Amino acid sequence: MIPQLVTVRWRQGDGRRRRLWIPVLPVLLMLSPLLLVALAGGLIACLMCRISPTGALRAAGGLLWALPGAHVEFAQGRTALLVSVR
């Protein structure tokens, strides 16, 4: 299933916590012209490197389907960042 919501939480060095919810579909619709340019660039790169564009597209689709449930956390000292995909 394609991700629906990305939650970004961070804690600043002074202890304050912030949370940001990003809905994926509206962002995807707003960035769709750029995604078309990226898709064309990826197709050209696949042809230049002699990689199957179909295989690359299947791999990218598999990566998108595997994203829901992913949690990525970075911490350095008292500052932390957590990205959660649902």
N, C-alpha and C. Protein backbone atom coordinates (compact mmCIF):
# COMPACT_ATOMS: atom_id res chain seq x y z
N MET A 1 0.83 -1.18 0.00
CA MET A 1 0.00 0.00 0.00
C MET A 1 0.88 1.24 0.00
N ILE A 2 0.50 2.25 -0.74
CA ILE A 2 1.25 3.49 -0.82
C ILE A 2 1.09 4.25 0.50
N PRO A 3 2.16 4.87 1.00
CA PRO A 3 2.06 5.61 2.27
C PRO A 3 1.02 6.71 2.21
N GLN A 4 0.34 6.96 3.32
CA GLN A 4 -0.68 7.99 3.39
C GLN A 4 -0.23 9.20 4.20
N LEU A 5 0.60 8.99 5.22
CA LEU A 5 0.96 10.07 6.13
C LEU A 5 2.42 9.89 6.57
N VAL A 6 3.16 10.98 6.57
CA VAL A 6 4.53 10.99 7.08
C VAL A 6 4.53 11.90 8.30
N THR A 7 5.02 11.37 9.42
CA THR A 7 5.12 12.14 10.65
C THR A 7 6.59 12.43 10.93
N VAL A 8 6.91 13.70 11.11
CA VAL A 8 8.28 14.10 11.42
C VAL A 8 8.26 14.72 12.81
N ARG A 9 9.05 14.14 13.72
CA ARG A 9 9.17 14.69 15.08
C ARG A 9 10.63 15.00 15.34
N TRP A 10 10.86 16.11 16.01
CA TRP A 10 12.22 16.43 16.38
C TRP A 10 12.26 17.10 17.73
N ARG A 11 13.40 16.87 18.39
CA ARG A 11 13.65 17.47 19.70
C ARG A 11 14.88 18.34 19.55
N GLN A 12 14.75 19.60 19.92
CA GLN A 12 15.86 20.52 19.79
C GLN A 12 16.77 20.40 21.00
N GLY A 13 17.93 21.00 20.90
CA GLY A 13 18.92 20.92 21.97
C GLY A 13 18.44 21.44 23.30
N ASP A 14 17.50 22.41 23.29
CA ASP A 14 17.01 22.97 24.55
C ASP A 14 15.85 22.17 25.13
N GLY A 15 15.50 21.03 24.53
CA GLY A 15 14.45 20.16 25.06
C GLY A 15 13.08 20.35 24.46
N ARG A 16 12.88 21.39 23.64
CA ARG A 16 11.57 21.59 23.01
C ARG A 16 11.32 20.51 21.96
N ARG A 17 10.08 20.06 21.89
CA ARG A 17 9.70 19.03 20.92
C ARG A 17 8.72 19.61 19.91
N ARG A 18 8.87 19.18 18.68
CA ARG A 18 7.99 19.62 17.60
C ARG A 18 7.51 18.39 16.84
N ARG A 19 6.33 18.50 16.23
CA ARG A 19 5.76 17.40 15.44
C ARG A 19 5.12 18.00 14.19
N LEU A 20 5.31 17.34 13.05
CA LEU A 20 4.77 17.80 11.78
C LEU A 20 4.17 16.60 11.06
N TRP A 21 2.90 16.71 10.67
CA TRP A 21 2.23 15.66 9.91
C TRP A 21 2.16 16.10 8.45
N ILE A 22 2.59 15.25 7.53
CA ILE A 22 2.60 15.57 6.11
C ILE A 22 1.76 14.54 5.37
N PRO A 23 0.58 14.92 4.82
CA PRO A 23 -0.20 13.98 4.03
C PRO A 23 0.47 13.79 2.66
N VAL A 24 0.63 12.55 2.24
CA VAL A 24 1.40 12.24 1.04
C VAL A 24 0.66 12.62 -0.24
N LEU A 25 -0.62 12.33 -0.34
CA LEU A 25 -1.35 12.55 -1.59
C LEU A 25 -1.37 14.02 -2.03
N PRO A 26 -1.70 15.00 -1.18
CA PRO A 26 -1.66 16.40 -1.64
C PRO A 26 -0.25 16.84 -2.06
N VAL A 27 0.76 16.40 -1.34
CA VAL A 27 2.13 16.75 -1.70
C VAL A 27 2.50 16.12 -3.04
N LEU A 28 2.09 14.88 -3.24
CA LEU A 28 2.35 14.19 -4.50
C LEU A 28 1.67 14.90 -5.67
N LEU A 29 0.43 15.36 -5.47
CA LEU A 29 -0.27 16.07 -6.53
C LEU A 29 0.39 17.41 -6.85
N MET A 30 0.87 18.12 -5.83
CA MET A 30 1.53 19.40 -6.07
C MET A 30 2.87 19.23 -6.78
N LEU A 31 3.57 18.15 -6.49
CA LEU A 31 4.89 17.92 -7.07
C LEU A 31 4.86 17.06 -8.32
N SER A 32 3.68 16.73 -8.84
CA SER A 32 3.59 15.83 -9.98
C SER A 32 4.33 16.34 -11.23
N PRO A 33 4.36 17.64 -11.53
CA PRO A 33 5.17 18.06 -12.68
C PRO A 33 6.65 17.75 -12.50
N LEU A 34 7.16 17.93 -11.28
CA LEU A 34 8.56 17.59 -11.03
C LEU A 34 8.80 16.09 -11.09
N LEU A 35 7.80 15.32 -10.68
CA LEU A 35 7.94 13.86 -10.75
C LEU A 35 8.02 13.39 -12.20
N LEU A 36 7.30 14.04 -13.09
CA LEU A 36 7.39 13.68 -14.51
C LEU A 36 8.79 13.97 -15.07
N VAL A 37 9.37 15.09 -14.67
CA VAL A 37 10.74 15.41 -15.10
C VAL A 37 11.72 14.39 -14.52
N ALA A 38 11.55 14.01 -13.25
CA ALA A 38 12.42 13.02 -12.62
C ALA A 38 12.28 11.66 -13.31
N LEU A 39 11.05 11.31 -13.69
CA LEU A 39 10.82 10.05 -14.39
C LEU A 39 11.53 10.04 -15.74
N ALA A 40 11.45 11.15 -16.47
CA ALA A 40 12.15 11.24 -17.75
C ALA A 40 13.67 11.17 -17.55
N GLY A 41 14.18 11.85 -16.53
CA GLY A 41 15.61 11.78 -16.23
C GLY A 41 16.05 10.37 -15.85
N GLY A 42 15.20 9.67 -15.08
CA GLY A 42 15.51 8.29 -14.73
C GLY A 42 15.52 7.38 -15.93
N LEU A 43 14.60 7.60 -16.86
CA LEU A 43 14.56 6.80 -18.08
C LEU A 43 15.82 7.02 -18.91
N ILE A 44 16.25 8.26 -19.04
CA ILE A 44 17.48 8.56 -19.78
C ILE A 44 18.68 7.93 -19.09
N ALA A 45 18.75 8.01 -17.75
CA ALA A 45 19.86 7.40 -17.02
C ALA A 45 19.88 5.88 -17.19
N CYS A 46 18.70 5.26 -17.19
CA CYS A 46 18.64 3.81 -17.40
C CYS A 46 19.15 3.43 -18.78
N LEU A 47 18.76 4.20 -19.78
CA LEU A 47 19.22 3.90 -21.13
C LEU A 47 20.71 4.12 -21.29
N MET A 48 21.25 5.16 -20.64
CA MET A 48 22.69 5.42 -20.72
C MET A 48 23.51 4.34 -20.01
N CYS A 49 23.00 3.81 -18.92
CA CYS A 49 23.72 2.80 -18.14
C CYS A 49 23.35 1.38 -18.54
N ARG A 50 22.51 1.25 -19.55
CA ARG A 50 22.07 -0.06 -20.07
C ARG A 50 21.38 -0.89 -18.99
N ILE A 51 20.49 -0.23 -18.25
CA ILE A 51 19.66 -0.90 -17.24
C ILE A 51 18.24 -0.95 -17.78
N SER A 52 17.54 -2.03 -17.53
CA SER A 52 16.18 -2.17 -18.00
C SER A 52 15.29 -1.15 -17.30
N PRO A 53 14.64 -0.24 -18.05
CA PRO A 53 13.74 0.73 -17.41
C PRO A 53 12.57 0.05 -16.70
N THR A 54 12.10 -1.05 -17.24
CA THR A 54 11.00 -1.77 -16.61
C THR A 54 11.43 -2.33 -15.25
N GLY A 55 12.62 -2.91 -15.21
CA GLY A 55 13.12 -3.44 -13.94
C GLY A 55 13.35 -2.35 -12.91
N ALA A 56 13.87 -1.20 -13.36
CA ALA A 56 14.09 -0.08 -12.44
C ALA A 56 12.76 0.45 -11.91
N LEU A 57 11.75 0.52 -12.77
CA LEU A 57 10.43 0.98 -12.34
C LEU A 57 9.79 0.01 -11.36
N ARG A 58 9.97 -1.29 -11.60
CA ARG A 58 9.44 -2.30 -10.66
C ARG A 58 10.14 -2.20 -9.31
N ALA A 59 11.46 -1.95 -9.32
CA ALA A 59 12.21 -1.81 -8.07
C ALA A 59 11.75 -0.58 -7.29
N ALA A 60 11.52 0.54 -8.00
CA ALA A 60 11.05 1.75 -7.33
C ALA A 60 9.64 1.55 -6.76
N GLY A 61 8.78 0.83 -7.50
CA GLY A 61 7.44 0.53 -7.00
C GLY A 61 7.50 -0.37 -5.76
N GLY A 62 8.39 -1.36 -5.78
CA GLY A 62 8.55 -2.22 -4.61
C GLY A 62 9.02 -1.44 -3.39
N LEU A 63 9.90 -0.47 -3.62
CA LEU A 63 10.37 0.37 -2.52
C LEU A 63 9.24 1.21 -1.94
N LEU A 64 8.39 1.78 -2.81
CA LEU A 64 7.25 2.56 -2.33
C LEU A 64 6.26 1.70 -1.54
N TRP A 65 6.01 0.49 -2.00
CA TRP A 65 5.07 -0.40 -1.31
C TRP A 65 5.62 -0.86 0.04
N ALA A 66 6.94 -0.86 0.20
CA ALA A 66 7.55 -1.30 1.46
C ALA A 66 7.69 -0.17 2.48
N LEU A 67 7.44 1.08 2.09
CA LEU A 67 7.64 2.21 3.00
C LEU A 67 6.70 2.27 4.21
N PRO A 68 5.41 1.96 4.09
CA PRO A 68 4.56 2.09 5.28
C PRO A 68 5.08 1.23 6.44
N GLY A 69 5.14 1.85 7.60
CA GLY A 69 5.65 1.16 8.78
C GLY A 69 7.12 1.44 9.03
N ALA A 70 7.77 2.21 8.14
CA ALA A 70 9.19 2.51 8.31
C ALA A 70 9.37 3.60 9.36
N HIS A 71 10.38 3.43 10.18
CA HIS A 71 10.74 4.42 11.20
C HIS A 71 12.24 4.69 11.08
N VAL A 72 12.61 5.96 10.95
CA VAL A 72 14.01 6.35 10.85
C VAL A 72 14.27 7.36 11.96
N GLU A 73 15.30 7.12 12.75
CA GLU A 73 15.60 8.02 13.86
C GLU A 73 17.07 8.41 13.83
N PHE A 74 17.32 9.70 13.96
CA PHE A 74 18.67 10.24 14.03
C PHE A 74 18.80 10.98 15.36
N ALA A 75 19.91 10.79 16.03
CA ALA A 75 20.14 11.51 17.29
C ALA A 75 21.60 11.90 17.39
N GLN A 76 21.82 13.13 17.84
CA GLN A 76 23.16 13.60 18.09
C GLN A 76 23.10 14.52 19.30
N GLY A 77 23.71 14.08 20.37
CA GLY A 77 23.64 14.85 21.60
C GLY A 77 22.21 14.94 22.12
N ARG A 78 21.75 16.17 22.36
CA ARG A 78 20.39 16.36 22.86
C ARG A 78 19.38 16.62 21.75
N THR A 79 19.83 16.61 20.49
CA THR A 79 18.95 16.84 19.35
C THR A 79 18.61 15.51 18.71
N ALA A 80 17.31 15.31 18.39
CA ALA A 80 16.86 14.05 17.79
C ALA A 80 15.83 14.34 16.70
N LEU A 81 15.79 13.45 15.70
CA LEU A 81 14.81 13.55 14.60
C LEU A 81 14.26 12.16 14.34
N LEU A 82 12.94 12.02 14.30
CA LEU A 82 12.27 10.75 14.03
C LEU A 82 11.33 10.95 12.86
N VAL A 83 11.46 10.12 11.82
CA VAL A 83 10.57 10.15 10.66
C VAL A 83 9.82 8.83 10.62
N SER A 84 8.50 8.90 10.61
CA SER A 84 7.65 7.71 10.62
C SER A 84 6.71 7.77 9.42
N VAL A 85 6.65 6.67 8.65
CA VAL A 85 5.79 6.60 7.45
C VAL A 85 4.66 5.64 7.73
N ARG A 86 3.42 6.09 7.50
CA ARG A 86 2.25 5.24 7.73
C ARG A 86 1.46 5.06 6.48
